[in-house]
Structure formats: structure tokens, C-alpha cells
Protein backbone atom coordinates (compact mmCIF):
# COMPACT_ATOMS: atom_id res chain seq x y z
CA MET A 1 -0.02 -0.06 -0.02
CA ILE A 2 1.16 3.49 -0.66
CA ARG A 3 3.13 4.81 2.28
CA HIS A 4 1.58 7.66 4.30
CA LEU A 5 -1.61 7.14 2.37
CA LEU A 6 -3.87 9.00 4.70
CA ARG A 7 -1.71 11.76 5.98
CA VAL A 8 -0.91 15.16 4.45
CA PHE A 9 2.72 15.68 4.05
CA PHE A 10 4.30 19.10 4.68
CA ALA A 11 7.86 19.58 3.40
CA ALA A 12 9.52 21.93 5.81
CA ALA A 13 12.91 23.78 5.62
CA PRO A 14 15.09 25.03 8.45
CA LEU A 15 14.42 28.59 9.50
CA ALA A 16 17.72 29.97 8.33
CA ALA A 17 17.74 28.27 4.97
CA GLY A 18 14.14 28.38 3.66
CA GLY A 19 12.71 25.86 1.19
CA SER A 20 11.26 25.79 -2.30
CA ALA A 21 10.78 23.27 -4.99
CA LEU A 22 11.05 24.08 -8.71
CA LEU A 23 7.39 22.99 -9.28
CA ALA A 24 4.78 23.67 -6.56
CA ALA A 25 1.98 21.25 -5.86
CA GLY A 26 -1.07 21.04 -8.29
CA CYS A 27 -4.64 20.14 -7.54
CA ALA A 28 -6.42 16.81 -7.62
CA LEU A 29 -9.04 15.62 -10.19
CA ASP A 30 -12.23 17.74 -10.01
CA ALA A 31 -14.16 14.53 -9.03
CA GLU A 32 -11.83 14.06 -6.20
CA ARG A 33 -11.48 17.63 -4.80
CA PRO A 34 -13.17 18.51 -1.53
CA ARG A 35 -16.08 20.81 -2.28
CA ILE A 36 -15.03 24.39 -2.13
CA GLU A 37 -17.62 26.42 -0.17
CA GLU A 38 -18.27 30.00 -0.91
CA GLY A 39 -16.95 32.30 1.85
CA PRO A 40 -14.21 34.79 2.66
CA LEU A 41 -11.41 32.49 1.55
CA GLU A 42 -13.03 31.80 -1.80
CA ASP A 43 -13.64 35.55 -2.31
CA LEU A 44 -9.96 36.29 -1.51
CA ARG A 45 -8.77 33.44 -3.79
CA ARG A 46 -10.68 34.99 -6.73
CA ALA A 47 -9.56 38.53 -5.89
CA THR A 48 -5.90 37.69 -5.37
CA ASN A 49 -5.67 35.52 -8.51
CA ALA A 50 -6.54 38.67 -10.38
CA TYR A 51 -3.81 40.85 -8.93
CA ALA A 52 -1.60 42.19 -11.75
CA SER A 53 1.35 42.58 -9.36
CA PHE A 54 2.27 42.44 -5.63
CA ARG A 55 5.14 42.55 -3.33
CA TYR A 56 4.93 41.07 0.13
CA ARG A 57 7.58 41.35 2.88
CA ALA A 58 7.54 39.75 6.27
CA GLU A 59 9.87 38.73 9.06
CA LEU A 60 9.99 35.30 10.55
CA THR A 61 11.57 34.69 13.96
CA ASP A 62 12.06 31.78 16.30
CA GLY A 63 13.12 33.97 19.33
CA LYS A 64 16.81 33.65 18.44
CA GLN A 65 17.06 34.89 14.93
CA THR A 66 14.90 36.84 12.48
CA VAL A 67 14.74 36.06 8.80
CA PRO A 68 13.35 38.44 6.16
CA ILE A 69 10.86 36.90 3.59
CA GLU A 70 9.86 38.57 0.24
CA LEU A 71 7.32 37.41 -2.35
CA ALA A 72 6.87 39.33 -5.58
CA TRP A 73 4.61 38.76 -8.68
CA ARG A 74 4.04 40.54 -11.95
CA ALA A 75 1.55 39.24 -14.49
CA PRO A 76 1.84 37.20 -16.66
CA ASP A 77 5.04 35.24 -15.85
CA ARG A 78 7.42 36.69 -13.29
CA GLY A 79 7.75 35.62 -9.71
CA PHE A 80 10.35 36.11 -6.97
CA LEU A 81 11.06 34.57 -3.55
CA ARG A 82 13.74 35.61 -1.03
CA TYR A 83 14.15 33.83 2.19
CA GLY A 84 16.80 35.10 4.46
CA SER A 85 20.12 36.21 2.88
CA THR A 86 21.12 32.93 1.29
CA TYR A 87 18.04 31.63 -0.48
CA ALA A 88 16.24 33.23 -3.52
CA VAL A 89 14.31 31.99 -6.54
CA ALA A 90 13.42 34.11 -9.55
CA LEU A 91 11.03 32.90 -12.13
CA VAL A 92 11.19 34.73 -15.41
CA PRO A 93 9.94 33.68 -18.89
CA GLY A 94 11.27 30.18 -19.65
CA GLU A 95 13.72 30.03 -16.70
CA ALA A 96 13.94 29.25 -13.09
CA ARG A 97 16.91 30.92 -11.35
CA TYR A 98 18.42 29.95 -7.91
CA LEU A 99 20.55 31.29 -5.29
CA THR A 100 21.27 28.93 -2.47
CA ARG A 101 23.97 28.09 0.10
CA GLN A 102 25.06 25.46 -2.51
CA GLY A 103 25.51 28.01 -5.27
CA THR A 104 23.58 29.37 -8.19
CA ALA A 105 21.69 27.53 -11.00
CA VAL A 106 19.56 28.29 -13.97
CA ILE A 107 17.03 25.67 -15.07
CA ARG A 108 15.51 26.07 -18.63
CA VAL A 109 11.98 25.18 -17.64
CA ASP A 110 10.58 25.44 -21.19
CA GLU A 111 13.33 23.12 -22.60
CA GLU A 112 12.81 20.63 -19.74
CA LEU A 113 9.07 20.49 -20.26
CA ALA A 114 9.50 19.90 -23.91
CA ARG A 115 11.81 16.98 -23.14
CA LEU A 116 9.25 15.51 -20.76
CA ARG A 117 6.48 15.85 -23.29
CA GLU A 118 8.63 14.10 -25.91
CA ARG A 119 9.68 11.38 -23.49
CA TYR A 120 6.11 10.49 -22.42
CA GLY A 121 4.44 10.99 -25.76
CA ASP A 122 2.83 14.33 -24.83
CA LEU A 123 0.45 12.88 -22.22
CA PRO A 124 -2.34 15.21 -21.38
CA THR A 125 -1.51 17.30 -18.26
CA GLY A 126 -4.41 19.72 -18.07
CA GLU A 127 -4.05 23.48 -18.22
CA PRO A 128 -0.49 24.98 -18.53
CA PRO A 129 1.03 25.51 -15.10
CA GLU A 130 1.18 29.07 -13.63
CA ILE A 131 3.32 30.67 -11.01
CA VAL A 132 2.12 29.99 -7.49
CA PHE A 133 3.28 30.91 -4.04
CA GLY A 134 3.06 29.15 -0.71
CA LEU A 135 3.76 29.99 2.94
CA GLY A 136 2.81 26.99 4.94
CA GLY A 137 4.04 23.94 6.45
CA TRP A 138 1.89 24.61 9.50
CA GLU A 139 2.23 21.10 10.97
CA ALA A 140 6.05 21.23 10.70
CA LEU A 141 5.91 24.59 12.71
CA LEU A 142 4.50 22.57 15.62
CA PHE A 143 7.72 20.55 15.74
CA GLY A 144 9.96 23.54 15.45
CA ARG A 145 11.37 22.63 12.08
CA GLY A 146 10.70 26.00 10.47
CA LEU A 147 8.33 27.58 7.89
CA ARG A 148 8.11 26.51 4.28
CA ALA A 149 8.25 29.36 1.78
CA THR A 150 7.64 28.12 -1.82
CA LEU A 151 7.58 29.54 -5.30
CA GLY A 152 7.01 27.38 -8.26
CA TYR A 153 4.81 26.32 -11.12
CA GLY A 154 1.50 24.56 -10.47
CA ARG A 155 -2.21 24.63 -11.00
CA LEU A 156 -3.76 27.97 -10.37
CA GLY A 157 -6.11 27.06 -7.59
CA ALA A 158 -4.93 29.88 -5.45
CA ARG A 159 -1.90 32.05 -6.49
CA LEU A 160 -1.49 32.65 -2.82
CA GLY A 161 -1.40 29.06 -1.86
CA TRP A 162 -2.06 29.58 1.92
CA LEU A 163 -5.74 30.52 0.94
CA ALA A 164 -6.20 26.94 -0.05
CA GLU A 165 -4.33 25.47 2.87
CA LEU A 166 -6.33 27.47 5.44
CA ARG A 167 -9.59 25.70 4.36
CA GLY A 168 -8.63 23.06 6.80
CA PHE A 169 -8.36 25.58 9.75
CA THR A 170 -10.97 26.73 12.15
CA ALA A 171 -12.04 30.24 11.31
CA GLU A 172 -12.89 33.12 13.80
CA GLY A 173 -13.36 36.15 11.65
CA ASN A 174 -10.03 36.77 9.85
CA VAL A 175 -8.24 34.46 12.34
CA TYR A 176 -7.47 30.80 11.43
CA ARG A 177 -6.41 28.18 14.02
CA ARG A 178 -5.30 24.59 13.98
CA GLU A 179 -3.93 23.19 17.23
CA ALA A 180 -1.10 25.57 18.26
CA VAL A 181 -0.94 27.41 14.91
CA GLU A 182 -2.76 30.71 14.53
CA ILE A 183 -2.90 32.68 11.25
CA GLU A 184 -4.36 36.14 10.84
CA LEU A 185 -5.31 37.24 7.29
CA ARG A 186 -5.33 40.69 6.07
CA GLU A 187 -8.19 42.03 3.87
CA ASP A 188 -5.93 41.85 0.84
CA GLY A 189 -5.32 38.06 1.27
CA PHE A 190 -1.80 38.19 2.63
CA ILE A 191 -0.80 36.87 5.93
CA GLY A 192 -0.61 39.60 8.58
CA ARG A 193 0.62 37.57 11.45
CA ALA A 194 1.26 33.87 12.03
CA LYS A 195 2.26 32.15 15.31
CA ALA A 196 3.14 28.49 16.15
CA GLY A 197 3.43 27.63 19.81
CA ASN A 198 5.57 30.13 21.88
CA ARG A 199 8.53 30.51 19.64
CA ILE A 200 7.88 30.84 15.96
CA GLU A 201 6.22 34.01 14.64
CA LEU A 202 5.67 35.69 11.25
CA ALA A 203 4.79 39.36 10.93
CA CYS A 204 4.03 41.16 7.75
CA THR A 205 6.20 44.29 7.32
CA SER A 206 4.72 45.71 4.02
CA VAL A 207 2.42 44.83 1.09
CA GLU A 208 2.18 46.50 -2.37
CA VAL A 209 -0.61 45.51 -4.61
CA GLY A 210 -0.99 46.67 -8.23
CA THR A 211 2.11 48.85 -8.20
CA GLU A 212 4.54 48.89 -11.22
CA LEU A 213 7.35 46.38 -10.47
CA PRO A 214 10.44 46.71 -12.64
CA ASP A 215 12.35 43.69 -14.08
CA SER A 216 15.03 44.31 -11.41
CA ALA A 217 12.52 43.29 -8.68
CA PHE A 218 12.75 39.81 -10.16
CA GLU A 219 16.52 39.45 -10.26
CA LEU A 220 18.53 37.37 -7.85
CA PRO A 221 20.48 39.28 -5.20
CA ALA A 222 24.17 39.55 -6.20
CA GLY A 223 26.21 36.86 -4.60
CA GLU A 224 29.85 37.82 -4.99
CA GLY A 225 32.02 34.79 -5.25
CA VAL A 226 29.03 32.32 -5.16
CA PRO A 227 29.96 29.24 -7.05
CA GLU A 228 27.73 27.36 -9.51
CA MET A 229 25.58 24.78 -7.91
CA PRO A 230 26.92 21.22 -7.95
CA GLU A 231 25.49 19.03 -10.69
CA ALA A 232 23.70 16.68 -8.18
CA ALA A 233 21.82 19.67 -6.72
CA LYS A 234 20.79 20.86 -10.21
CA GLU A 235 19.57 17.36 -10.92
CA ASP A 236 17.42 17.49 -7.82
CA LEU A 237 15.81 20.63 -9.11
CA VAL A 238 15.16 19.07 -12.60
CA ARG A 239 13.73 16.08 -10.84
CA SER A 240 11.20 18.22 -9.08
CA LEU A 241 9.89 19.24 -12.52
CA ASP A 242 9.83 15.51 -13.48
CA ASP A 243 7.83 14.84 -10.36
CA ALA A 244 5.43 17.62 -11.24
CA TYR A 245 4.88 16.41 -14.69
CA HIS A 246 3.91 12.99 -13.23
CA ARG A 247 1.51 14.73 -10.86
CA TRP A 248 -0.14 16.67 -13.59
CA ALA A 249 -0.53 13.58 -15.81
CA LEU A 250 -2.03 11.63 -12.86
CA GLU A 251 -4.29 14.48 -11.91
CA THR A 252 -5.50 14.97 -15.46
CA ASP A 253 -6.10 11.36 -16.27
CA PRO A 254 -5.31 8.71 -13.63
CA GLY A 255 -6.58 5.90 -15.87
CA ALA A 256 -4.80 2.64 -16.85
CA ALA A 257 -3.37 4.07 -20.11
CA THR A 258 -1.65 7.07 -18.45
CA VAL A 259 -0.39 4.90 -15.55
CA GLY A 260 0.82 2.37 -17.98
CA ARG A 261 2.82 4.87 -20.12
CA LEU A 262 4.41 6.49 -17.13
CA VAL A 263 5.52 3.19 -15.68
CA ARG A 264 6.72 1.84 -18.97
CA VAL A 265 8.92 4.73 -19.81
CA ASP A 266 10.28 5.21 -16.24
CA LEU A 267 11.13 1.48 -15.87
CA ALA A 268 13.00 1.48 -19.20
CA ARG A 269 14.90 4.69 -18.23
CA ARG A 270 15.67 3.74 -14.70
CA TYR A 271 16.64 0.02 -15.18
CA GLU A 272 17.70 -0.16 -18.87
CA PRO A 273 16.28 -3.61 -19.39
CA GLU A 274 17.70 -3.92 -22.97
CA LYS A 275 21.18 -3.52 -21.57
CA MET A 276 20.47 -6.00 -18.86
CA VAL A 277 19.19 -8.56 -21.48
CA GLY A 278 22.29 -7.87 -23.66
CA LEU A 279 24.53 -8.60 -20.75
CA LEU A 280 22.65 -11.76 -19.94
CA ARG A 281 22.94 -13.01 -23.51
CA GLU A 282 26.65 -12.19 -23.50
CA SER A 283 27.27 -14.01 -20.22
CA LEU A 284 25.19 -16.99 -21.27
CA ALA A 285 27.16 -17.33 -24.53
CA LYS A 286 30.43 -17.29 -22.75
CA SER A 287 29.25 -19.60 -20.05
CA ILE A 288 27.90 -22.13 -22.74
CA ALA A 289 31.14 -21.93 -24.74
CA THR A 290 33.25 -22.60 -21.57
CA TRP A 291 31.09 -25.48 -20.38
CA LYS A 292 31.13 -27.20 -23.72
CA GLU A 293 34.78 -26.88 -23.90
CA GLU A 294 35.27 -28.38 -20.48
CA ASN A 295 32.45 -30.93 -20.82
CA PRO A 296 32.48 -32.25 -24.46
CA GLY A 297 29.88 -34.86 -25.48
CA LYS A 298 27.53 -34.45 -22.54
CA PRO A 299 24.30 -32.98 -23.95
CA GLU A 300 21.98 -34.21 -21.15
CA LEU A 301 24.15 -32.56 -18.49
CA PHE A 302 24.36 -29.47 -20.63
CA ARG A 303 20.57 -29.22 -20.89
CA GLU A 304 20.33 -29.65 -17.00
CA LYS A 305 22.94 -26.89 -16.59
CA LEU A 306 20.80 -24.60 -18.78
CA GLU A 307 17.80 -25.25 -16.67
CA ILE A 308 19.69 -24.50 -13.44
CA ASP A 309 21.12 -21.20 -14.91
CA ARG A 310 17.61 -20.34 -16.19
CA GLY A 311 16.19 -20.84 -12.62
CA LYS A 312 18.90 -18.67 -11.06
CA ALA A 313 18.34 -15.90 -13.65
CA LEU A 314 14.57 -15.83 -13.19
CA GLY A 315 15.01 -16.05 -9.54
CA SER A 316 17.05 -12.79 -9.70
CA VAL A 317 14.21 -11.24 -11.66
CA THR A 318 11.71 -12.15 -8.92
CA ILE A 319 13.99 -10.46 -6.37
CA MET A 320 14.52 -7.43 -8.62
CA GLU A 321 10.71 -7.25 -9.14
CA LYS A 322 10.25 -6.65 -5.42
CA GLU A 323 12.97 -3.97 -5.42
CA ILE A 324 11.32 -2.22 -8.40
CA GLN A 325 7.85 -2.43 -6.88
CA ASP A 326 9.18 -0.72 -3.76
CA GLU A 327 10.89 2.08 -5.67
CA PHE A 328 7.91 2.77 -7.77
CA GLU A 329 5.64 2.74 -4.68
CA ARG A 330 7.92 5.45 -3.18
CA ARG A 331 7.64 7.38 -6.45
CA LEU A 332 3.83 7.29 -6.41
CA ASP A 333 3.84 8.31 -2.77
CA ARG A 334 5.97 11.30 -3.73
CA TYR A 335 3.57 12.40 -6.39
CA PHE A 336 0.53 12.07 -4.08
CA ARG A 337 2.32 14.02 -1.40
CA GLY A 338 2.81 16.90 -3.82
CA MET A 339 -0.92 17.25 -4.54
CA SER A 340 -2.88 19.94 -2.87
CA PRO A 341 -5.52 19.15 -1.66
CA LEU A 342 -4.60 15.54 -1.20
CA PRO A 343 -6.88 13.23 -3.12
CA SER A 344 -9.26 10.95 -1.16
CA ALA A 345 -7.92 7.67 0.27
CA ARG A 346 -10.23 5.80 -2.12
CA HIS A 347 -8.87 7.55 -5.15
CA MET A 348 -5.21 6.98 -4.16
CA ALA A 349 -5.81 3.30 -3.49
CA GLU A 350 -7.40 2.82 -6.95
CA VAL A 351 -4.47 4.60 -8.61
CA ALA A 352 -2.05 2.56 -6.46
CA GLU A 353 -3.62 -0.70 -7.72
CA ARG A 354 -3.25 0.32 -11.29
CA TRP A 355 0.26 1.50 -10.62
CA LYS A 356 1.27 -1.76 -9.05
CA ALA A 357 -0.35 -3.85 -11.83
CA ALA A 358 1.52 -1.67 -14.44
CA VAL A 359 4.90 -2.33 -12.77
CA LEU A 360 4.19 -6.17 -12.70
CA ARG A 361 3.22 -6.01 -16.38
CA GLU A 362 6.37 -3.98 -17.46
CA VAL A 363 8.71 -6.17 -15.44
CA GLU A 364 7.12 -9.20 -17.22
CA ILE A 365 7.40 -7.56 -20.67
CA GLN A 366 10.69 -5.75 -20.43
CA ILE A 367 12.72 -8.13 -18.17
CA ARG A 368 11.30 -11.56 -17.44
CA LYS A 369 10.14 -12.47 -20.92
CA PRO A 370 13.38 -11.38 -22.64
CA PHE A 371 15.31 -13.21 -19.95
CA GLU A 372 13.18 -16.38 -20.85
CA ARG A 373 13.76 -15.84 -24.58
CA ALA A 374 17.51 -15.64 -23.97
CA PHE A 375 17.44 -19.20 -22.64
CA ASP A 376 14.88 -20.49 -25.03
CA GLU A 377 17.06 -19.40 -27.98
CA ALA A 378 20.22 -20.90 -26.42
CA PRO A 379 21.44 -24.13 -28.22
CA ARG A 380 20.30 -27.30 -26.57
CA ASP A 381 23.02 -29.64 -27.84
């Protein structure tokens, strides 16, 4: 069963470092979304989605240190996030630019998306993603692990993502509470004040809505002497885009055809079955040649040897299949955790069953059957 199937996952970052994914969470299928009731949050969602620009500044403190936060937006395709002095993200047409403690990076989002569409045969992924913001991770605040500030591409449910997250809070006027977390919303939809327990507090310092924001407002702060981000860190950023593409495809059409194509392509890319089968055939040919040289004129023993080798090889496939299932289960769990709101348990269970069946089928087609053919086609005398 999918891990953490019934719990909402909040990815939190340390207070001093901040956190953001290249792609923010999307929304679940219309049929699986909780019903959105009319009310103050829905009114704010519609109003804030129509903002042509805004710049929000706040300060976050844990009682020991204070970190400035800045969010900025200009229609139709510029966004900016600054979290402290060592973390910033700028989204400009076609690119995502990063400044982190690890260094700087530029991800060509348009090129990466084009590669993903080509790789998966241009699966339907719904409406084009838009820039969305988040300032959440409230459960993580309860454990003192900091506040999540996010900027990325996702479904435009709410450009100010906390307006969707707060639907699960108890409202008293413009104050929203959940356990030890308290959020006070301003009339313009921005967070005026947030508090978690007795230590962590967020306070808005300024908001500008509808003002003219120059291109310079969406440039990364100068980081003199900051190196380029290591390749492994860049790959993590690109992987978040790959994860988002999977999410969008599963949200748009979670049927057997979509699940099957995602699993088929991913298994081939991750495990390279053709290469595995090629190595098996090469190893088998060498093993046969060596055995015949050392045991001439013993066809019955040779056939017995082939059956033993065949059993070992197919046994290794069975072990591998379990490992592949575990990995693909973790992948699907990751895709679910990125959806906001989280789909129903019933929906996730149904998709998980299709996903598991697709993995079994692709292991059979791409690995087990080719392994069997390698032995079937081996000479028997």
C-alpha cells in the first residue's frame, strides 16, 4: 500500500535556509477535490488571483534569529522569492533561477518541459502551469522545524497558496487556527501575522498590490564569489519538474493508459532492461562456450545446466521485481504528497492498484520475458 496514504505531508525547511521546489503542488481531479464552499477564503482566492502585481515582505523569528521573507509577482510570468540572505528564486519567462547556500543555478523550464512531453508521448497534463506561491507547512511549525516558503509552477487554484491550505483551519473572523498554529489574514489576502506555539512568529512588514514592479525586482541578489551549484543539486531541481509532470498527468487522467505509459517509460529509463538482457545473452554465450569446452559430449548434462542457470536468472528477476515495486511505490507516494489538496484515500488506493499492476506487467514484458527468450534461444546440444 502507498506509504503515508492517509496523511498530508508538509515539506519543511530550516528557519535559516528556507525551502522551495522548482514545481509547486497541483490540484487533484475535479471529481476528487473537496467541495469548495463560498466564503471569505474563496472571495480572497478570486480577488488575489486577479492581482496584476504584488510585493509582500515579512519577518520570521524563532526567538533567536529573524529572517526576512519577500514574495513578488508581476503578470503574466514573473515571480520572486527571497528567504533570508542565502536563498532566493526568480522565475522569469522560460527560466527558473536559484541562489542557495550550495551556489547558483539556472534551469531552462521550457526546454525541460519539452523533453518531458517528448519522452512520455505528450500525455495530457491539463491547463498549462502558472506561478504559485506558498507560505505554509503549519504542521512542521509545531515541531519547530521552520516555515516553508515556496515559489514554483502549479495549478492555479490559489496563486497565494495559503488561501487553499487555510480551508482546513477553524476560522474566527479573519483568524484561522489549527492546534497551536494561529494565522491572521489581512483584507488583501496576505498573512498579517502567524504564530506557532510560543517560539515561531511571522509578521508582515509591508504589502504593495497593483504597483509597477520593474524587471529588477525579479533578479537574484548579487552573490559575490558564489559558485555554480553542484550538478547533483541541479539534478534534484530538474527531478522536481519531472515529479510535477507525473503529478499533472495523474491528476488529469489517472486511468490505466496514463499509468501504464508513465511506468513503462520510467522502468526503461531507470533500469535499462535492454542493456540487462544484452549482458545476460553475452554472459550466457560465454558460459555455454566454456562449459562445452570443459564437458564435451554431455548433452543431457548441458541441458540440465541450462535449466539451473535459467532458474537462477529468473529467480534474480523475482528479487529485482520486489525492489522495483518498492521504488515505484515510493515514487507514487511522492507524487501524491505533492498534490494539494490531497486526493481521497479511495482515489489514491485505486491509482495505487493500477500502478502496481502496471509495474508487474512491465517487469514481465521488459525483463522476465526477454530473460526467458535468451534461454529459449540458447542451443540445446
